[in-house]
């Protein structure tokens, strides 16, 4: 049976970006996303249930599912 990938917490996603030397805004722009939307998902103001917020949560590894785009 396939092993499920462990999901990250928003704090873990922030630390991963930092470890890669990326700012949240820089990662958002590189992925064609609005920085404000990424900040909203990471802060919990938007849970990432639908649309762009869902894609952001999936790309950051916070949520399972499929995103319409690939992370850079």
PDB file of N, CA and C in Angstrom:
ATOM      1  N   UNK A   1       0.835  -1.174   0.000  1.00  0.00           N
ATOM      2  CA  UNK A   1       0.000   0.000   0.000  1.00  0.00           C
ATOM      3  C   UNK A   1       0.888   1.249   0.000  1.00  0.00           C
ATOM      4  N   UNK A   2       0.504   2.248  -0.777  1.00  0.00           N
ATOM      5  CA  UNK A   2       1.291   3.470  -0.885  1.00  0.00           C
ATOM      6  C   UNK A   2       1.253   4.248   0.424  1.00  0.00           C
ATOM      7  N   UNK A   3       2.380   4.810   0.758  1.00  0.00           N
ATOM      8  CA  UNK A   3       2.475   5.601   1.979  1.00  0.00           C
ATOM      9  C   UNK A   3       2.006   7.019   1.706  1.00  0.00           C
ATOM     10  N   UNK A   4       1.177   7.550   2.582  1.00  0.00           N
ATOM     11  CA  UNK A   4       0.667   8.905   2.397  1.00  0.00           C
ATOM     12  C   UNK A   4       1.736   9.924   2.769  1.00  0.00           C
ATOM     13  N   UNK A   5       1.791  10.981   1.995  1.00  0.00           N
ATOM     14  CA  UNK A   5       2.724  12.060   2.266  1.00  0.00           C
ATOM     15  C   UNK A   5       2.231  12.835   3.482  1.00  0.00           C
ATOM     16  N   UNK A   6       3.141  13.127   4.394  1.00  0.00           N
ATOM     17  CA  UNK A   6       2.796  13.873   5.594  1.00  0.00           C
ATOM     18  C   UNK A   6       2.524  15.332   5.228  1.00  0.00           C
ATOM     19  N   UNK A   7       1.413  15.839   5.697  1.00  0.00           N
ATOM     20  CA  UNK A   7       1.078  17.235   5.430  1.00  0.00           C
ATOM     21  C   UNK A   7       1.866  18.146   6.354  1.00  0.00           C
ATOM     22  N   UNK A   8       2.136  19.337   5.866  1.00  0.00           N
ATOM     23  CA  UNK A   8       2.824  20.351   6.661  1.00  0.00           C
ATOM     24  C   UNK A   8       1.810  21.224   7.369  1.00  0.00           C
ATOM     25  N   UNK A   9       2.234  21.799   8.454  1.00  0.00           N
ATOM     26  CA  UNK A   9       1.447  22.853   9.076  1.00  0.00           C
ATOM     27  C   UNK A   9       1.819  24.152   8.354  1.00  0.00           C
ATOM     28  N   UNK A  10       1.004  25.188   8.483  1.00  0.00           N
ATOM     29  CA  UNK A  10       1.387  26.465   7.870  1.00  0.00           C
ATOM     30  C   UNK A  10       2.755  26.962   8.360  1.00  0.00           C
ATOM     31  N   UNK A  11       3.063  26.765   9.646  1.00  0.00           N
ATOM     32  CA  UNK A  11       4.374  27.184  10.161  1.00  0.00           C
ATOM     33  C   UNK A  11       5.504  26.395   9.510  1.00  0.00           C
ATOM     34  N   UNK A  12       5.286  25.103   9.299  1.00  0.00           N
ATOM     35  CA  UNK A  12       6.295  24.282   8.630  1.00  0.00           C
ATOM     36  C   UNK A  12       6.486  24.738   7.185  1.00  0.00           C
ATOM     37  N   UNK A  13       5.406  25.102   6.523  1.00  0.00           N
ATOM     38  CA  UNK A  13       5.506  25.593   5.145  1.00  0.00           C
ATOM     39  C   UNK A  13       6.304  26.894   5.103  1.00  0.00           C
ATOM     40  N   UNK A  14       6.054  27.782   6.061  1.00  0.00           N
ATOM     41  CA  UNK A  14       6.823  29.040   6.149  1.00  0.00           C
ATOM     42  C   UNK A  14       8.313  28.751   6.349  1.00  0.00           C
ATOM     43  N   UNK A  15       8.619  27.836   7.287  1.00  0.00           N
ATOM     44  CA  UNK A  15      10.014  27.506   7.566  1.00  0.00           C
ATOM     45  C   UNK A  15      10.692  26.866   6.348  1.00  0.00           C
ATOM     46  N   UNK A  16       9.950  26.056   5.595  1.00  0.00           N
ATOM     47  CA  UNK A  16      10.506  25.427   4.390  1.00  0.00           C
ATOM     48  C   UNK A  16      10.865  26.493   3.348  1.00  0.00           C
ATOM     49  N   UNK A  17       9.991  27.456   3.156  1.00  0.00           N
ATOM     50  CA  UNK A  17      10.301  28.540   2.221  1.00  0.00           C
ATOM     51  C   UNK A  17      11.535  29.301   2.691  1.00  0.00           C
ATOM     52  N   UNK A  18      11.592  29.577   3.991  1.00  0.00           N
ATOM     53  CA  UNK A  18      12.732  30.299   4.555  1.00  0.00           C
ATOM     54  C   UNK A  18      14.028  29.491   4.366  1.00  0.00           C
ATOM     55  N   UNK A  19      13.958  28.181   4.587  1.00  0.00           N
ATOM     56  CA  UNK A  19      15.132  27.322   4.426  1.00  0.00           C
ATOM     57  C   UNK A  19      15.627  27.316   2.986  1.00  0.00           C
ATOM     58  N   UNK A  20      14.729  27.529   2.045  1.00  0.00           N
ATOM     59  CA  UNK A  20      15.085  27.585   0.627  1.00  0.00           C
ATOM     60  C   UNK A  20      15.527  28.983   0.214  1.00  0.00           C
ATOM     61  N   UNK A  21      15.520  29.924   1.170  1.00  0.00           N
ATOM     62  CA  UNK A  21      15.926  31.292   0.879  1.00  0.00           C
ATOM     63  C   UNK A  21      14.882  32.073   0.108  1.00  0.00           C
ATOM     64  N   UNK A  22      13.616  31.676   0.250  1.00  0.00           N
ATOM     65  CA  UNK A  22      12.523  32.332  -0.471  1.00  0.00           C
ATOM     66  C   UNK A  22      11.643  33.124   0.480  1.00  0.00           C
ATOM     67  N   UNK A  23      11.212  34.279   0.019  1.00  0.00           N
ATOM     68  CA  UNK A  23      10.197  35.007   0.764  1.00  0.00           C
ATOM     69  C   UNK A  23       8.835  34.483   0.328  1.00  0.00           C
ATOM     70  N   UNK A  24       7.833  34.704   1.140  1.00  0.00           N
ATOM     71  CA  UNK A  24       6.484  34.281   0.773  1.00  0.00           C
ATOM     72  C   UNK A  24       6.041  35.022  -0.487  1.00  0.00           C
ATOM     73  N   UNK A  25       6.287  36.320  -0.510  1.00  0.00           N
ATOM     74  CA  UNK A  25       5.892  37.116  -1.681  1.00  0.00           C
ATOM     75  C   UNK A  25       6.639  36.671  -2.932  1.00  0.00           C
ATOM     76  N   UNK A  26       7.929  36.385  -2.800  1.00  0.00           N
ATOM     77  CA  UNK A  26       8.722  35.932  -3.944  1.00  0.00           C
ATOM     78  C   UNK A  26       8.243  34.581  -4.465  1.00  0.00           C
ATOM     79  N   UNK A  27       7.931  33.652  -3.539  1.00  0.00           N
ATOM     80  CA  UNK A  27       7.421  32.341  -3.941  1.00  0.00           C
ATOM     81  C   UNK A  27       6.077  32.508  -4.652  1.00  0.00           C
ATOM     82  N   UNK A  28       5.230  33.383  -4.108  1.00  0.00           N
ATOM     83  CA  UNK A  28       3.916  33.608  -4.712  1.00  0.00           C
ATOM     84  C   UNK A  28       4.065  34.126  -6.142  1.00  0.00           C
ATOM     85  N   UNK A  29       4.883  35.145  -6.320  1.00  0.00           N
ATOM     86  CA  UNK A  29       5.063  35.729  -7.660  1.00  0.00           C
ATOM     87  C   UNK A  29       5.665  34.721  -8.629  1.00  0.00           C
ATOM     88  N   UNK A  30       6.634  33.926  -8.159  1.00  0.00           N
ATOM     89  CA  UNK A  30       7.273  32.923  -9.017  1.00  0.00           C
ATOM     90  C   UNK A  30       6.273  31.868  -9.475  1.00  0.00           C
ATOM     91  N   UNK A  31       5.225  31.677  -8.696  1.00  0.00           N
ATOM     92  CA  UNK A  31       4.203  30.687  -9.031  1.00  0.00           C
ATOM     93  C   UNK A  31       2.952  31.317  -9.631  1.00  0.00           C
ATOM     94  N   UNK A  32       3.042  32.594  -9.993  1.00  0.00           N
ATOM     95  CA  UNK A  32       1.916  33.267 -10.635  1.00  0.00           C
ATOM     96  C   UNK A  32       0.743  33.508  -9.705  1.00  0.00           C
ATOM     97  N   UNK A  33       1.036  33.682  -8.416  1.00  0.00           N
ATOM     98  CA  UNK A  33      -0.016  33.881  -7.406  1.00  0.00           C
ATOM     99  C   UNK A  33       0.123  35.248  -6.764  1.00  0.00           C
ATOM    100  N   UNK A  34      -0.962  35.715  -6.202  1.00  0.00           N
ATOM    101  CA  UNK A  34      -0.912  36.980  -5.481  1.00  0.00           C
ATOM    102  C   UNK A  34      -0.390  36.734  -4.066  1.00  0.00           C
ATOM    103  N   UNK A  35       0.623  37.485  -3.654  1.00  0.00           N
ATOM    104  CA  UNK A  35       1.182  37.295  -2.311  1.00  0.00           C
ATOM    105  C   UNK A  35       0.123  37.362  -1.208  1.00  0.00           C
ATOM    106  N   UNK A  36      -0.837  38.267  -1.319  1.00  0.00           N
ATOM    107  CA  UNK A  36      -1.873  38.408  -0.295  1.00  0.00           C
ATOM    108  C   UNK A  36      -2.639  37.100  -0.109  1.00  0.00           C
ATOM    109  N   UNK A  37      -2.905  36.392  -1.206  1.00  0.00           N
ATOM    110  CA  UNK A  37      -3.622  35.119  -1.110  1.00  0.00           C
ATOM    111  C   UNK A  37      -2.797  34.079  -0.359  1.00  0.00           C
ATOM    112  N   UNK A  38      -1.497  34.058  -0.625  1.00  0.00           N
ATOM    113  CA  UNK A  38      -0.625  33.104   0.061  1.00  0.00           C
ATOM    114  C   UNK A  38      -0.562  33.437   1.551  1.00  0.00           C
ATOM    115  N   UNK A  39      -0.405  34.711   1.882  1.00  0.00           N
ATOM    116  CA  UNK A  39      -0.400  35.124   3.296  1.00  0.00           C
ATOM    117  C   UNK A  39      -1.714  34.730   3.978  1.00  0.00           C
ATOM    118  N   UNK A  40      -2.826  34.882   3.286  1.00  0.00           N
ATOM    119  CA  UNK A  40      -4.131  34.525   3.864  1.00  0.00           C
ATOM    120  C   UNK A  40      -4.224  33.034   4.164  1.00  0.00           C
ATOM    121  N   UNK A  41      -3.714  32.203   3.279  1.00  0.00           N
ATOM    122  CA  UNK A  41      -3.742  30.754   3.512  1.00  0.00           C
ATOM    123  C   UNK A  41      -2.813  30.397   4.675  1.00  0.00           C
ATOM    124  N   UNK A  42      -1.622  30.964   4.701  1.00  0.00           N
ATOM    125  CA  UNK A  42      -0.667  30.646   5.761  1.00  0.00           C
ATOM    126  C   UNK A  42      -1.114  31.139   7.133  1.00  0.00           C
ATOM    127  N   UNK A  43      -1.874  32.218   7.160  1.00  0.00           N
ATOM    128  CA  UNK A  43      -2.328  32.756   8.450  1.00  0.00           C
ATOM    129  C   UNK A  43      -3.616  32.104   8.939  1.00  0.00           C
ATOM    130  N   UNK A  44      -4.278  31.353   8.060  1.00  0.00           N
ATOM    131  CA  UNK A  44      -5.537  30.723   8.439  1.00  0.00           C
ATOM    132  C   UNK A  44      -6.760  31.565   8.142  1.00  0.00           C
ATOM    133  N   UNK A  45      -6.558  32.766   7.591  1.00  0.00           N
ATOM    134  CA  UNK A  45      -7.709  33.604   7.217  1.00  0.00           C
ATOM    135  C   UNK A  45      -8.496  32.976   6.079  1.00  0.00           C
ATOM    136  N   UNK A  46      -7.812  32.181   5.265  1.00  0.00           N
ATOM    137  CA  UNK A  46      -8.462  31.444   4.188  1.00  0.00           C
ATOM    138  C   UNK A  46      -8.010  29.994   4.316  1.00  0.00           C
ATOM    139  N   UNK A  47      -8.931  29.081   4.436  1.00  0.00           N
ATOM    140  CA  UNK A  47      -8.585  27.682   4.692  1.00  0.00           C
ATOM    141  C   UNK A  47      -8.207  26.896   3.441  1.00  0.00           C
ATOM    142  N   UNK A  48      -8.340  27.510   2.295  1.00  0.00           N
ATOM    143  CA  UNK A  48      -7.929  26.832   1.068  1.00  0.00           C
ATOM    144  C   UNK A  48      -8.873  25.745   0.609  1.00  0.00           C
ATOM    145  N   UNK A  49     -10.156  25.983   0.771  1.00  0.00           N
ATOM    146  CA  UNK A  49     -11.135  24.961   0.379  1.00  0.00           C
ATOM    147  C   UNK A  49     -11.415  24.943  -1.119  1.00  0.00           C
ATOM    148  N   UNK A  50     -11.333  26.102  -1.779  1.00  0.00           N
ATOM    149  CA  UNK A  50     -11.726  26.193  -3.186  1.00  0.00           C
ATOM    150  C   UNK A  50     -10.775  27.088  -3.962  1.00  0.00           C
ATOM    151  N   UNK A  51     -10.750  26.902  -5.279  1.00  0.00           N
ATOM    152  CA  UNK A  51     -10.079  27.809  -6.197  1.00  0.00           C
ATOM    153  C   UNK A  51      -8.599  28.022  -5.940  1.00  0.00           C
ATOM    154  N   UNK A  52      -8.186  29.265  -6.077  1.00  0.00           N
ATOM    155  CA  UNK A  52      -6.777  29.624  -5.934  1.00  0.00           C
ATOM    156  C   UNK A  52      -6.249  29.283  -4.550  1.00  0.00           C
ATOM    157  N   UNK A  53      -7.035  29.516  -3.518  1.00  0.00           N
ATOM    158  CA  UNK A  53      -6.593  29.209  -2.156  1.00  0.00           C
ATOM    159  C   UNK A  53      -6.338  27.711  -2.000  1.00  0.00           C
ATOM    160  N   UNK A  54      -7.167  26.893  -2.628  1.00  0.00           N
ATOM    161  CA  UNK A  54      -6.953  25.436  -2.606  1.00  0.00           C
ATOM    162  C   UNK A  54      -5.624  25.104  -3.272  1.00  0.00           C
ATOM    163  N   UNK A  55      -5.378  25.691  -4.436  1.00  0.00           N
ATOM    164  CA  UNK A  55      -4.116  25.458  -5.141  1.00  0.00           C
ATOM    165  C   UNK A  55      -2.923  25.842  -4.265  1.00  0.00           C
ATOM    166  N   UNK A  56      -3.006  26.971  -3.607  1.00  0.00           N
ATOM    167  CA  UNK A  56      -1.923  27.433  -2.742  1.00  0.00           C
ATOM    168  C   UNK A  56      -1.668  26.428  -1.628  1.00  0.00           C
ATOM    169  N   UNK A  57      -2.726  25.989  -0.969  1.00  0.00           N
ATOM    170  CA  UNK A  57      -2.578  25.039   0.137  1.00  0.00           C
ATOM    171  C   UNK A  57      -1.952  23.732  -0.345  1.00  0.00           C
ATOM    172  N   UNK A  58      -2.350  23.261  -1.515  1.00  0.00           N
ATOM    173  CA  UNK A  58      -1.788  22.022  -2.061  1.00  0.00           C
ATOM    174  C   UNK A  58      -0.317  22.225  -2.428  1.00  0.00           C
ATOM    175  N   UNK A  59      -0.003  23.320  -3.102  1.00  0.00           N
ATOM    176  CA  UNK A  59       1.376  23.585  -3.510  1.00  0.00           C
ATOM    177  C   UNK A  59       2.314  23.724  -2.316  1.00  0.00           C
ATOM    178  N   UNK A  60       1.807  24.263  -1.213  1.00  0.00           N
ATOM    179  CA  UNK A  60       2.619  24.416  -0.004  1.00  0.00           C
ATOM    180  C   UNK A  60       2.684  23.130   0.814  1.00  0.00           C
ATOM    181  N   UNK A  61       1.894  22.139   0.444  1.00  0.00           N
ATOM    182  CA  UNK A  61       1.904  20.878   1.170  1.00  0.00           C
ATOM    183  C   UNK A  61       1.076  20.888   2.434  1.00  0.00           C
ATOM    184  N   UNK A  62       0.172  21.866   2.554  1.00  0.00           N
ATOM    185  CA  UNK A  62      -0.692  21.993   3.724  1.00  0.00           C
ATOM    186  C   UNK A  62      -1.927  21.119   3.582  1.00  0.00           C
ATOM    187  N   UNK A  63      -2.285  20.828   2.337  1.00  0.00           N
ATOM    188  CA  UNK A  63      -3.517  20.113   2.043  1.00  0.00           C
ATOM    189  C   UNK A  63      -3.267  19.082   0.947  1.00  0.00           C
ATOM    190  N   UNK A  64      -4.007  17.982   0.992  1.00  0.00           N
ATOM    191  CA  UNK A  64      -3.907  16.996  -0.081  1.00  0.00           C
ATOM    192  C   UNK A  64      -4.816  17.419  -1.227  1.00  0.00           C
ATOM    193  N   UNK A  65      -4.587  16.853  -2.369  1.00  0.00           N
ATOM    194  CA  UNK A  65      -5.410  17.157  -3.533  1.00  0.00           C
ATOM    195  C   UNK A  65      -4.532  17.479  -4.707  1.00  0.00           C
ATOM    196  N   UNK A  66      -5.150  17.995  -5.744  1.00  0.00           N
ATOM    197  CA  UNK A  66      -4.433  18.375  -6.947  1.00  0.00           C
ATOM    198  C   UNK A  66      -4.607  19.854  -7.200  1.00  0.00           C
ATOM    199  N   UNK A  67      -3.521  20.494  -7.574  1.00  0.00           N
ATOM    200  CA  UNK A  67      -3.548  21.908  -7.913  1.00  0.00           C
ATOM    201  C   UNK A  67      -3.591  22.037  -9.432  1.00  0.00           C
ATOM    202  N   UNK A  68      -4.152  23.111  -9.907  1.00  0.00           N
ATOM    203  CA  UNK A  68      -4.225  23.337 -11.352  1.00  0.00           C
ATOM    204  C   UNK A  68      -2.875  23.726 -11.930  1.00  0.00           C
ATOM    205  N   UNK A  69      -1.933  24.083 -11.074  1.00  0.00           N
ATOM    206  CA  UNK A  69      -0.613  24.494 -11.549  1.00  0.00           C
ATOM    207  C   UNK A  69       0.452  23.732 -10.774  1.00  0.00           C
ATOM    208  N   UNK A  70       1.679  23.799 -11.256  1.00  0.00           N
ATOM    209  CA  UNK A  70       2.823  23.149 -10.610  1.00  0.00           C
ATOM    210  C   UNK A  70       3.635  24.212  -9.883  1.00  0.00           C
ATOM    211  N   UNK A  71       4.181  23.859  -8.734  1.00  0.00           N
ATOM    212  CA  UNK A  71       5.032  24.797  -7.995  1.00  0.00           C
ATOM    213  C   UNK A  71       6.377  24.928  -8.686  1.00  0.00           C
ATOM    214  N   UNK A  72       6.909  26.138  -8.658  1.00  0.00           N
ATOM    215  CA  UNK A  72       8.239  26.403  -9.241  1.00  0.00           C
ATOM    216  C   UNK A  72       9.273  26.167  -8.178  1.00  0.00           C
TER     217      UNK A  72
END
